[in-house]
Amino acid sequence: MRAPAALLLSLLWAGSALAGGPRSAARTLEPGDLPTRPGEVRMAAHLTLDAISAAELTQGRGTALPEAGVWRGSPSAFDLSPILLRVTRLAPSLWRMRLADASYPGAIDVRYEVFGADGSPGRLTHVEHPEDGMGVIIEPTQPEVIFEDSQGAVVEGGAALQLLLEEARYAGTYTGTVVVTVNNL
């Protein structure tokens, strides 16, 4: 089964999110949204990633740029260490599939593709500046069994999206489509 999910990302150059490792997007499938028949697949229809803040880009060392001429950060924040050029967002719940047997969730072949709003592969497109975009590397996460009953098991899978910020020229919202293809081998 192959299905697209709309993807939105806000890239901000100011903000106050905490720095750290990969952050998760909000769950894309509701906890009770389980396929009922073996081989049935449920897909996320929409995925919105958390905004990327200046604090995240500078790993908590202050804002990347002065706001209204005032530096917001500690005095040591004047160390102009490089900012992060790649940020990872986890989308842990993009699809679910019911299997007749829980013993082989690894026997599912999943492929992910990302397309910008203009159809360009492997990219997200800026909403207000469609000529601008950024690359996305998408890596599948390991599918895992999330529910078992007498009719089998439900396996869930997602992906880590690595956003190539070095290609972005504008702050703002980027959009695209993630196409997920799930096959039971």
N, C-alpha and C. Protein backbone atom coordinates (compact mmCIF):
# COMPACT_ATOMS: atom_id res chain seq x y z
N MET A 1 0.84 -1.17 0.00
CA MET A 1 0.00 0.00 0.00
C MET A 1 0.88 1.23 0.00
N ARG A 2 0.53 2.23 -0.80
CA ARG A 2 1.32 3.44 -0.94
C ARG A 2 0.41 4.62 -0.64
N ALA A 3 0.85 5.50 0.24
CA ALA A 3 0.01 6.63 0.61
C ALA A 3 0.87 7.84 0.93
N PRO A 4 0.43 9.04 0.51
CA PRO A 4 1.15 10.26 0.85
C PRO A 4 0.65 10.85 2.16
N ALA A 5 1.53 11.55 2.84
CA ALA A 5 1.15 12.32 4.03
C ALA A 5 1.70 13.72 3.82
N ALA A 6 0.88 14.72 4.03
CA ALA A 6 1.35 16.10 3.90
C ALA A 6 2.36 16.36 5.01
N LEU A 7 3.35 17.17 4.73
CA LEU A 7 4.42 17.46 5.69
C LEU A 7 4.60 18.96 5.79
N LEU A 8 4.59 19.48 7.01
CA LEU A 8 4.84 20.90 7.25
C LEU A 8 5.96 21.03 8.26
N LEU A 9 6.84 22.00 8.03
CA LEU A 9 7.95 22.28 8.93
C LEU A 9 8.08 23.78 9.03
N SER A 10 8.18 24.30 10.23
CA SER A 10 8.45 25.71 10.42
C SER A 10 9.90 25.87 10.83
N LEU A 11 10.61 26.68 10.10
CA LEU A 11 12.02 26.95 10.38
C LEU A 11 12.08 28.37 10.92
N LEU A 12 12.44 28.51 12.20
CA LEU A 12 12.46 29.80 12.85
C LEU A 12 13.90 30.17 13.20
N TRP A 13 14.21 31.42 13.10
CA TRP A 13 15.55 31.85 13.49
C TRP A 13 15.54 32.48 14.88
N ALA A 14 14.40 32.52 15.52
CA ALA A 14 14.31 33.01 16.89
C ALA A 14 13.31 32.15 17.64
N GLY A 15 13.52 31.99 18.93
CA GLY A 15 12.60 31.16 19.71
C GLY A 15 13.27 30.70 20.99
N SER A 16 12.60 29.79 21.70
CA SER A 16 13.17 29.39 22.98
C SER A 16 13.06 27.90 23.24
N ALA A 17 13.02 27.08 22.21
CA ALA A 17 12.96 25.63 22.44
C ALA A 17 14.28 25.15 23.02
N LEU A 18 14.23 24.09 23.79
CA LEU A 18 15.44 23.54 24.39
C LEU A 18 16.24 22.76 23.36
N ALA A 19 17.54 22.82 23.47
CA ALA A 19 18.40 22.06 22.58
C ALA A 19 18.44 20.61 23.02
N GLY A 20 18.91 19.76 22.15
CA GLY A 20 19.03 18.36 22.51
C GLY A 20 19.13 17.51 21.26
N GLY A 21 18.91 16.23 21.42
CA GLY A 21 18.97 15.29 20.31
C GLY A 21 17.74 15.40 19.43
N PRO A 22 17.49 14.38 18.64
CA PRO A 22 16.32 14.40 17.76
C PRO A 22 15.04 14.58 18.56
N ARG A 23 14.17 15.44 18.07
CA ARG A 23 12.89 15.67 18.72
C ARG A 23 11.79 14.99 17.93
N SER A 24 10.78 14.54 18.63
CA SER A 24 9.67 13.85 17.97
C SER A 24 8.62 14.84 17.50
N ALA A 25 8.02 14.51 16.38
CA ALA A 25 6.83 15.22 15.94
C ALA A 25 5.68 14.71 16.80
N ALA A 26 4.58 15.45 16.80
CA ALA A 26 3.40 14.94 17.49
C ALA A 26 3.01 13.62 16.83
N ARG A 27 2.48 12.70 17.62
CA ARG A 27 2.06 11.41 17.05
C ARG A 27 1.09 11.67 15.92
N THR A 28 1.26 10.94 14.87
CA THR A 28 0.47 11.17 13.67
C THR A 28 -0.73 10.26 13.56
N LEU A 29 -0.74 9.15 14.26
CA LEU A 29 -1.89 8.25 14.31
C LEU A 29 -2.38 8.21 15.75
N GLU A 30 -3.68 8.21 15.94
CA GLU A 30 -4.25 8.12 17.28
C GLU A 30 -3.96 6.75 17.88
N PRO A 31 -3.77 6.65 19.19
CA PRO A 31 -3.46 5.36 19.81
C PRO A 31 -4.46 4.25 19.50
N GLY A 32 -5.75 4.58 19.40
CA GLY A 32 -6.76 3.56 19.14
C GLY A 32 -7.00 3.27 17.67
N ASP A 33 -6.27 3.92 16.78
CA ASP A 33 -6.47 3.73 15.34
C ASP A 33 -5.69 2.50 14.88
N LEU A 34 -6.32 1.33 15.06
CA LEU A 34 -5.65 0.06 14.77
C LEU A 34 -6.30 -0.63 13.58
N PRO A 35 -5.50 -1.17 12.65
CA PRO A 35 -6.07 -1.97 11.56
C PRO A 35 -6.70 -3.24 12.13
N THR A 36 -7.77 -3.72 11.50
CA THR A 36 -8.52 -4.86 12.06
C THR A 36 -8.30 -6.16 11.30
N ARG A 37 -7.94 -6.13 10.02
CA ARG A 37 -7.77 -7.35 9.22
C ARG A 37 -6.30 -7.56 8.88
N PRO A 38 -5.82 -8.80 8.85
CA PRO A 38 -4.43 -9.06 8.46
C PRO A 38 -4.14 -8.44 7.09
N GLY A 39 -3.02 -7.74 7.01
CA GLY A 39 -2.61 -7.09 5.78
C GLY A 39 -3.12 -5.66 5.65
N GLU A 40 -4.08 -5.26 6.50
CA GLU A 40 -4.61 -3.90 6.44
C GLU A 40 -3.56 -2.93 6.98
N VAL A 41 -3.45 -1.77 6.32
CA VAL A 41 -2.49 -0.74 6.72
C VAL A 41 -3.24 0.57 6.97
N ARG A 42 -2.88 1.25 8.03
CA ARG A 42 -3.39 2.60 8.30
C ARG A 42 -2.21 3.56 8.17
N MET A 43 -2.44 4.67 7.50
CA MET A 43 -1.38 5.65 7.26
C MET A 43 -1.76 6.99 7.89
N ALA A 44 -0.75 7.74 8.27
CA ALA A 44 -0.96 9.11 8.74
C ALA A 44 -1.33 9.97 7.54
N ALA A 45 -2.29 10.85 7.72
CA ALA A 45 -2.69 11.74 6.64
C ALA A 45 -1.95 13.07 6.69
N HIS A 46 -1.44 13.42 7.86
CA HIS A 46 -0.81 14.72 8.03
C HIS A 46 0.30 14.61 9.07
N LEU A 47 1.39 15.29 8.83
CA LEU A 47 2.53 15.29 9.74
C LEU A 47 3.04 16.71 9.85
N THR A 48 3.07 17.26 11.04
CA THR A 48 3.64 18.58 11.27
C THR A 48 4.82 18.41 12.21
N LEU A 49 5.97 18.87 11.78
CA LEU A 49 7.18 18.76 12.60
C LEU A 49 7.31 19.98 13.49
N ASP A 50 7.92 19.80 14.67
CA ASP A 50 8.17 20.93 15.56
C ASP A 50 9.03 21.96 14.86
N ALA A 51 8.77 23.23 15.17
CA ALA A 51 9.58 24.32 14.63
C ALA A 51 11.02 24.19 15.12
N ILE A 52 11.93 24.69 14.34
CA ILE A 52 13.35 24.70 14.70
C ILE A 52 13.67 26.10 15.22
N SER A 53 14.17 26.18 16.42
CA SER A 53 14.42 27.47 17.05
C SER A 53 15.90 27.83 17.01
N ALA A 54 16.18 29.10 17.26
CA ALA A 54 17.56 29.56 17.34
C ALA A 54 18.29 28.85 18.47
N ALA A 55 17.62 28.66 19.61
CA ALA A 55 18.26 27.99 20.75
C ALA A 55 18.67 26.57 20.37
N GLU A 56 17.85 25.92 19.57
CA GLU A 56 18.20 24.56 19.12
C GLU A 56 19.39 24.59 18.17
N LEU A 57 19.39 25.55 17.27
CA LEU A 57 20.49 25.66 16.30
C LEU A 57 21.82 25.96 16.97
N THR A 58 21.78 26.76 18.02
CA THR A 58 23.01 27.14 18.73
C THR A 58 23.27 26.24 19.92
N GLN A 59 22.48 25.18 20.04
CA GLN A 59 22.62 24.20 21.11
C GLN A 59 22.57 24.86 22.48
N GLY A 60 21.64 25.84 22.64
CA GLY A 60 21.40 26.47 23.92
C GLY A 60 22.37 27.57 24.30
N ARG A 61 23.25 28.00 23.38
CA ARG A 61 24.25 29.02 23.71
C ARG A 61 23.75 30.44 23.50
N GLY A 62 22.44 30.65 23.29
CA GLY A 62 21.91 31.99 23.03
C GLY A 62 21.29 32.01 21.65
N THR A 63 20.68 33.10 21.29
CA THR A 63 20.08 33.19 19.96
C THR A 63 21.15 33.39 18.91
N ALA A 64 20.90 32.92 17.73
CA ALA A 64 21.89 32.98 16.66
C ALA A 64 22.11 34.40 16.18
N LEU A 65 21.08 35.22 16.21
CA LEU A 65 21.16 36.59 15.73
C LEU A 65 20.61 37.54 16.79
N PRO A 66 21.18 38.76 16.90
CA PRO A 66 20.62 39.71 17.85
C PRO A 66 19.20 40.08 17.43
N GLU A 67 18.31 40.26 18.39
CA GLU A 67 16.95 40.72 18.12
C GLU A 67 16.86 42.16 18.59
N ALA A 68 16.51 43.07 17.70
CA ALA A 68 16.38 44.49 18.01
C ALA A 68 17.65 45.02 18.68
N GLY A 69 18.80 44.54 18.24
CA GLY A 69 20.08 45.02 18.74
C GLY A 69 20.47 44.51 20.11
N VAL A 70 19.72 43.60 20.69
CA VAL A 70 20.02 43.08 22.03
C VAL A 70 20.37 41.60 21.91
N TRP A 71 21.52 41.23 22.41
CA TRP A 71 21.91 39.82 22.40
C TRP A 71 21.21 39.12 23.53
N ARG A 72 20.52 38.03 23.25
CA ARG A 72 19.79 37.28 24.28
C ARG A 72 20.54 35.99 24.55
N GLY A 73 21.29 35.98 25.60
CA GLY A 73 22.05 34.79 25.97
C GLY A 73 23.06 35.16 27.05
N SER A 74 23.84 34.20 27.46
CA SER A 74 24.83 34.48 28.49
C SER A 74 26.01 35.20 27.86
N PRO A 75 26.85 35.88 28.67
CA PRO A 75 28.02 36.56 28.10
C PRO A 75 28.91 35.61 27.29
N SER A 76 28.96 34.34 27.70
CA SER A 76 29.79 33.40 26.93
C SER A 76 29.15 33.05 25.59
N ALA A 77 27.90 33.49 25.39
CA ALA A 77 27.22 33.22 24.12
C ALA A 77 27.86 33.98 22.97
N PHE A 78 28.74 34.93 23.28
CA PHE A 78 29.41 35.66 22.21
C PHE A 78 30.43 34.79 21.49
N ASP A 79 30.70 33.62 22.05
CA ASP A 79 31.49 32.64 21.33
C ASP A 79 30.66 32.22 20.11
N LEU A 80 31.05 32.65 18.96
CA LEU A 80 30.27 32.40 17.75
C LEU A 80 30.60 31.03 17.17
N SER A 81 30.39 30.02 17.99
CA SER A 81 30.58 28.65 17.54
C SER A 81 29.61 28.37 16.40
N PRO A 82 29.96 27.42 15.55
CA PRO A 82 29.07 27.12 14.42
C PRO A 82 27.70 26.66 14.88
N ILE A 83 26.70 27.03 14.10
CA ILE A 83 25.35 26.56 14.40
C ILE A 83 25.15 25.21 13.72
N LEU A 84 24.15 24.48 14.20
CA LEU A 84 23.83 23.19 13.60
C LEU A 84 23.29 23.41 12.18
N LEU A 85 23.75 22.63 11.25
CA LEU A 85 23.27 22.74 9.88
C LEU A 85 22.37 21.59 9.50
N ARG A 86 22.25 20.62 10.40
CA ARG A 86 21.35 19.49 10.18
C ARG A 86 20.61 19.21 11.48
N VAL A 87 19.31 19.11 11.36
CA VAL A 87 18.46 18.85 12.52
C VAL A 87 17.61 17.63 12.19
N THR A 88 17.44 16.76 13.18
CA THR A 88 16.65 15.55 12.98
C THR A 88 15.34 15.64 13.74
N ARG A 89 14.27 15.24 13.07
CA ARG A 89 12.96 15.13 13.69
C ARG A 89 12.49 13.69 13.53
N LEU A 90 11.95 13.13 14.63
CA LEU A 90 11.42 11.77 14.59
C LEU A 90 9.92 11.81 14.33
N ALA A 91 9.47 10.97 13.45
CA ALA A 91 8.04 10.76 13.18
C ALA A 91 7.78 9.29 13.48
N PRO A 92 7.51 8.95 14.75
CA PRO A 92 7.50 7.55 15.16
C PRO A 92 6.27 6.75 14.73
N SER A 93 5.22 7.44 14.28
CA SER A 93 3.97 6.73 14.01
C SER A 93 3.39 7.14 12.66
N LEU A 94 4.05 6.74 11.58
CA LEU A 94 3.57 7.08 10.24
C LEU A 94 2.63 6.03 9.66
N TRP A 95 2.77 4.78 10.10
CA TRP A 95 1.92 3.71 9.56
C TRP A 95 1.76 2.61 10.60
N ARG A 96 0.69 1.85 10.42
CA ARG A 96 0.44 0.65 11.23
C ARG A 96 -0.10 -0.43 10.30
N MET A 97 0.32 -1.67 10.57
CA MET A 97 -0.14 -2.80 9.76
C MET A 97 -0.49 -3.95 10.68
N ARG A 98 -1.61 -4.61 10.37
CA ARG A 98 -2.00 -5.79 11.13
C ARG A 98 -1.38 -7.01 10.46
N LEU A 99 -0.73 -7.83 11.27
CA LEU A 99 -0.13 -9.09 10.82
C LEU A 99 -0.87 -10.25 11.48
N ALA A 100 -0.93 -11.36 10.78
CA ALA A 100 -1.55 -12.55 11.35
C ALA A 100 -0.69 -13.15 12.47
N ASP A 101 0.62 -12.84 12.46
CA ASP A 101 1.55 -13.41 13.41
C ASP A 101 2.54 -12.33 13.86
N ALA A 102 2.71 -12.16 15.16
CA ALA A 102 3.60 -11.12 15.69
C ALA A 102 5.07 -11.48 15.59
N SER A 103 5.39 -12.69 15.15
CA SER A 103 6.78 -13.14 15.20
C SER A 103 7.65 -12.60 14.06
N TYR A 104 7.08 -11.90 13.09
CA TYR A 104 7.94 -11.44 12.00
C TYR A 104 7.67 -9.99 11.55
N PRO A 105 7.74 -9.01 12.47
CA PRO A 105 7.55 -7.63 12.04
C PRO A 105 8.66 -7.16 11.10
N GLY A 106 9.83 -7.80 11.14
CA GLY A 106 10.91 -7.44 10.24
C GLY A 106 10.67 -7.86 8.80
N ALA A 107 9.61 -8.64 8.56
CA ALA A 107 9.30 -9.10 7.20
C ALA A 107 8.43 -8.09 6.47
N ILE A 108 8.46 -6.85 6.89
CA ILE A 108 7.70 -5.79 6.23
C ILE A 108 8.70 -4.91 5.50
N ASP A 109 8.43 -4.68 4.23
CA ASP A 109 9.28 -3.81 3.42
C ASP A 109 8.63 -2.42 3.38
N VAL A 110 9.33 -1.42 3.91
CA VAL A 110 8.81 -0.06 3.94
C VAL A 110 9.77 0.85 3.19
N ARG A 111 9.19 1.68 2.33
CA ARG A 111 10.00 2.67 1.58
C ARG A 111 9.40 4.04 1.80
N TYR A 112 10.27 5.02 2.00
CA TYR A 112 9.84 6.40 2.21
C TYR A 112 10.43 7.27 1.12
N GLU A 113 9.62 8.20 0.63
CA GLU A 113 10.08 9.20 -0.33
C GLU A 113 9.54 10.55 0.11
N VAL A 114 10.32 11.61 -0.10
CA VAL A 114 9.90 12.96 0.21
C VAL A 114 9.92 13.76 -1.08
N PHE A 115 8.87 14.56 -1.28
CA PHE A 115 8.78 15.42 -2.46
C PHE A 115 8.39 16.82 -2.02
N GLY A 116 9.06 17.83 -2.59
CA GLY A 116 8.69 19.21 -2.34
C GLY A 116 7.34 19.51 -2.98
N ALA A 117 6.79 20.67 -2.66
CA ALA A 117 5.50 21.08 -3.22
C ALA A 117 5.57 21.17 -4.74
N ASP A 118 6.76 21.41 -5.27
CA ASP A 118 6.95 21.48 -6.73
C ASP A 118 7.24 20.12 -7.34
N GLY A 119 7.21 19.06 -6.54
CA GLY A 119 7.45 17.70 -7.03
C GLY A 119 8.91 17.27 -7.02
N SER A 120 9.81 18.15 -6.57
CA SER A 120 11.23 17.79 -6.55
C SER A 120 11.49 16.74 -5.47
N PRO A 121 12.20 15.65 -5.83
CA PRO A 121 12.44 14.57 -4.87
C PRO A 121 13.46 14.95 -3.80
N GLY A 122 13.26 14.42 -2.59
CA GLY A 122 14.23 14.60 -1.51
C GLY A 122 14.32 16.01 -0.97
N ARG A 123 13.25 16.81 -1.15
CA ARG A 123 13.30 18.21 -0.73
C ARG A 123 11.98 18.67 -0.13
N LEU A 124 12.05 19.70 0.68
CA LEU A 124 10.88 20.43 1.13
C LEU A 124 10.94 21.81 0.47
N THR A 125 9.81 22.41 0.21
CA THR A 125 9.73 23.69 -0.48
C THR A 125 9.22 24.76 0.47
N HIS A 126 9.82 25.95 0.41
CA HIS A 126 9.37 27.08 1.23
C HIS A 126 8.00 27.53 0.75
N VAL A 127 7.08 27.78 1.69
CA VAL A 127 5.70 28.13 1.33
C VAL A 127 5.62 29.46 0.61
N GLU A 128 6.33 30.48 1.09
CA GLU A 128 6.25 31.82 0.49
C GLU A 128 7.28 32.05 -0.60
N HIS A 129 8.34 31.26 -0.63
CA HIS A 129 9.40 31.39 -1.64
C HIS A 129 9.59 30.03 -2.29
N PRO A 130 8.70 29.65 -3.22
CA PRO A 130 8.74 28.28 -3.76
C PRO A 130 10.03 27.94 -4.51
N GLU A 131 10.82 28.94 -4.84
CA GLU A 131 12.11 28.65 -5.47
C GLU A 131 13.14 28.14 -4.47
N ASP A 132 12.85 28.31 -3.19
CA ASP A 132 13.76 27.88 -2.13
C ASP A 132 13.32 26.53 -1.58
N GLY A 133 14.28 25.77 -1.13
CA GLY A 133 13.97 24.48 -0.53
C GLY A 133 15.13 23.99 0.31
N MET A 134 14.92 22.87 0.94
CA MET A 134 15.99 22.22 1.70
C MET A 134 15.88 20.72 1.50
N GLY A 135 17.02 20.07 1.50
CA GLY A 135 17.05 18.62 1.35
C GLY A 135 16.59 17.92 2.62
N VAL A 136 16.09 16.71 2.44
CA VAL A 136 15.64 15.87 3.55
C VAL A 136 16.17 14.47 3.31
N ILE A 137 16.83 13.92 4.32
CA ILE A 137 17.23 12.51 4.30
C ILE A 137 16.29 11.80 5.24
N ILE A 138 15.62 10.77 4.75
CA ILE A 138 14.63 10.07 5.57
C ILE A 138 15.10 8.64 5.80
N GLU A 139 15.18 8.26 7.06
CA GLU A 139 15.64 6.93 7.45
C GLU A 139 14.53 6.23 8.23
N PRO A 140 14.17 5.02 7.84
CA PRO A 140 13.12 4.31 8.58
C PRO A 140 13.58 3.93 9.99
N THR A 141 12.64 3.95 10.91
CA THR A 141 12.90 3.41 12.24
C THR A 141 12.52 1.94 12.23
N GLN A 142 12.97 1.20 13.20
CA GLN A 142 12.67 -0.23 13.29
C GLN A 142 11.19 -0.42 13.60
N PRO A 143 10.44 -1.15 12.76
CA PRO A 143 9.03 -1.42 13.10
C PRO A 143 8.95 -2.20 14.41
N GLU A 144 7.90 -1.92 15.18
CA GLU A 144 7.73 -2.63 16.44
C GLU A 144 6.27 -3.02 16.65
N VAL A 145 6.09 -4.13 17.35
CA VAL A 145 4.76 -4.61 17.68
C VAL A 145 4.21 -3.72 18.79
N ILE A 146 3.02 -3.12 18.56
CA ILE A 146 2.43 -2.25 19.58
C ILE A 146 1.17 -2.83 20.20
N PHE A 147 0.64 -3.93 19.60
CA PHE A 147 -0.61 -4.51 20.10
C PHE A 147 -0.70 -5.95 19.62
N GLU A 148 -1.12 -6.84 20.51
CA GLU A 148 -1.35 -8.25 20.14
C GLU A 148 -2.69 -8.69 20.68
N ASP A 149 -3.38 -9.53 19.89
CA ASP A 149 -4.61 -10.16 20.35
C ASP A 149 -4.74 -11.51 19.63
N SER A 150 -5.90 -12.14 19.75
CA SER A 150 -6.08 -13.48 19.16
C SER A 150 -6.06 -13.48 17.64
N GLN A 151 -6.25 -12.33 17.00
CA GLN A 151 -6.20 -12.26 15.53
C GLN A 151 -4.82 -11.88 14.99
N GLY A 152 -3.84 -11.72 15.85
CA GLY A 152 -2.50 -11.38 15.38
C GLY A 152 -1.92 -10.20 16.13
N ALA A 153 -1.22 -9.34 15.38
CA ALA A 153 -0.52 -8.23 16.00
C ALA A 153 -0.58 -7.01 15.09
N VAL A 154 -0.42 -5.85 15.70
CA VAL A 154 -0.32 -4.60 14.95
C VAL A 154 1.11 -4.10 15.10
N VAL A 155 1.72 -3.83 13.95
CA VAL A 155 3.09 -3.33 13.90
C VAL A 155 3.03 -1.87 13.48
N GLU A 156 3.87 -1.05 14.10
CA GLU A 156 3.91 0.38 13.81
C GLU A 156 5.31 0.76 13.35
N GLY A 157 5.38 1.71 12.43
CA GLY A 157 6.68 2.17 11.96
C GLY A 157 6.67 3.66 11.70
N GLY A 158 7.85 4.21 11.66
CA GLY A 158 8.02 5.64 11.41
C GLY A 158 9.35 5.89 10.78
N ALA A 159 9.81 7.12 10.91
CA ALA A 159 11.06 7.51 10.27
C ALA A 159 11.71 8.66 11.02
N ALA A 160 13.00 8.81 10.80
CA ALA A 160 13.74 9.98 11.26
C ALA A 160 14.01 10.83 10.02
N LEU A 161 13.64 12.10 10.10
CA LEU A 161 13.85 13.01 8.98
C LEU A 161 15.00 13.94 9.33
N GLN A 162 16.09 13.85 8.57
CA GLN A 162 17.23 14.73 8.78
C GLN A 162 17.07 15.91 7.81
N LEU A 163 16.93 17.11 8.37
CA LEU A 163 16.68 18.31 7.59
C LEU A 163 18.00 19.01 7.31
N LEU A 164 18.29 19.23 6.04
CA LEU A 164 19.57 19.82 5.62
C LEU A 164 19.43 21.35 5.57
N LEU A 165 19.60 21.97 6.73
CA LEU A 165 19.37 23.41 6.86
C LEU A 165 20.36 24.25 6.07
N GLU A 166 21.51 23.70 5.75
CA GLU A 166 22.50 24.47 5.00
C GLU A 166 21.98 24.85 3.61
N GLU A 167 20.92 24.19 3.15
CA GLU A 167 20.36 24.49 1.84
C GLU A 167 19.24 25.52 1.91
N ALA A 168 18.73 25.83 3.11
CA ALA A 168 17.61 26.76 3.26
C ALA A 168 18.12 28.20 3.24
N ARG A 169 17.43 29.05 2.50
CA ARG A 169 17.81 30.46 2.45
C ARG A 169 16.86 31.36 3.23
N TYR A 170 15.69 30.84 3.59
CA TYR A 170 14.68 31.66 4.26
C TYR A 170 14.17 30.96 5.52
N ALA A 171 13.91 31.77 6.56
CA ALA A 171 13.16 31.26 7.70
C ALA A 171 11.70 31.18 7.29
N GLY A 172 10.93 30.35 7.95
CA GLY A 172 9.52 30.26 7.63
C GLY A 172 9.07 28.82 7.57
N THR A 173 7.98 28.59 6.86
CA THR A 173 7.37 27.28 6.78
C THR A 173 7.74 26.59 5.47
N TYR A 174 8.16 25.33 5.59
CA TYR A 174 8.49 24.50 4.44
C TYR A 174 7.46 23.38 4.36
N THR A 175 7.16 22.96 3.15
CA THR A 175 6.12 21.95 2.99
C THR A 175 6.55 20.91 1.95
N GLY A 176 5.90 19.78 2.00
CA GLY A 176 6.17 18.71 1.04
C GLY A 176 5.28 17.53 1.35
N THR A 177 5.57 16.44 0.68
CA THR A 177 4.80 15.22 0.84
C THR A 177 5.74 14.07 1.13
N VAL A 178 5.38 13.26 2.13
CA VAL A 178 6.10 12.02 2.42
C VAL A 178 5.23 10.90 1.87
N VAL A 179 5.81 10.10 0.97
CA VAL A 179 5.08 8.94 0.42
C VAL A 179 5.64 7.70 1.11
N VAL A 180 4.76 6.93 1.71
CA VAL A 180 5.14 5.72 2.43
C VAL A 180 4.57 4.53 1.69
N THR A 181 5.43 3.57 1.35
CA THR A 181 5.01 2.35 0.71
C THR A 181 5.30 1.19 1.66
N VAL A 182 4.27 0.44 2.05
CA VAL A 182 4.40 -0.67 2.99
C VAL A 182 3.99 -1.94 2.30
N ASN A 183 4.89 -2.93 2.28
CA ASN A 183 4.59 -4.24 1.71
C ASN A 183 4.89 -5.32 2.74
N ASN A 184 4.00 -6.28 2.85
CA ASN A 184 4.20 -7.43 3.71
C ASN A 184 4.83 -8.52 2.86
N LEU A 185 6.05 -8.94 3.18
CA LEU A 185 6.75 -9.92 2.35
C LEU A 185 6.29 -11.33 2.59
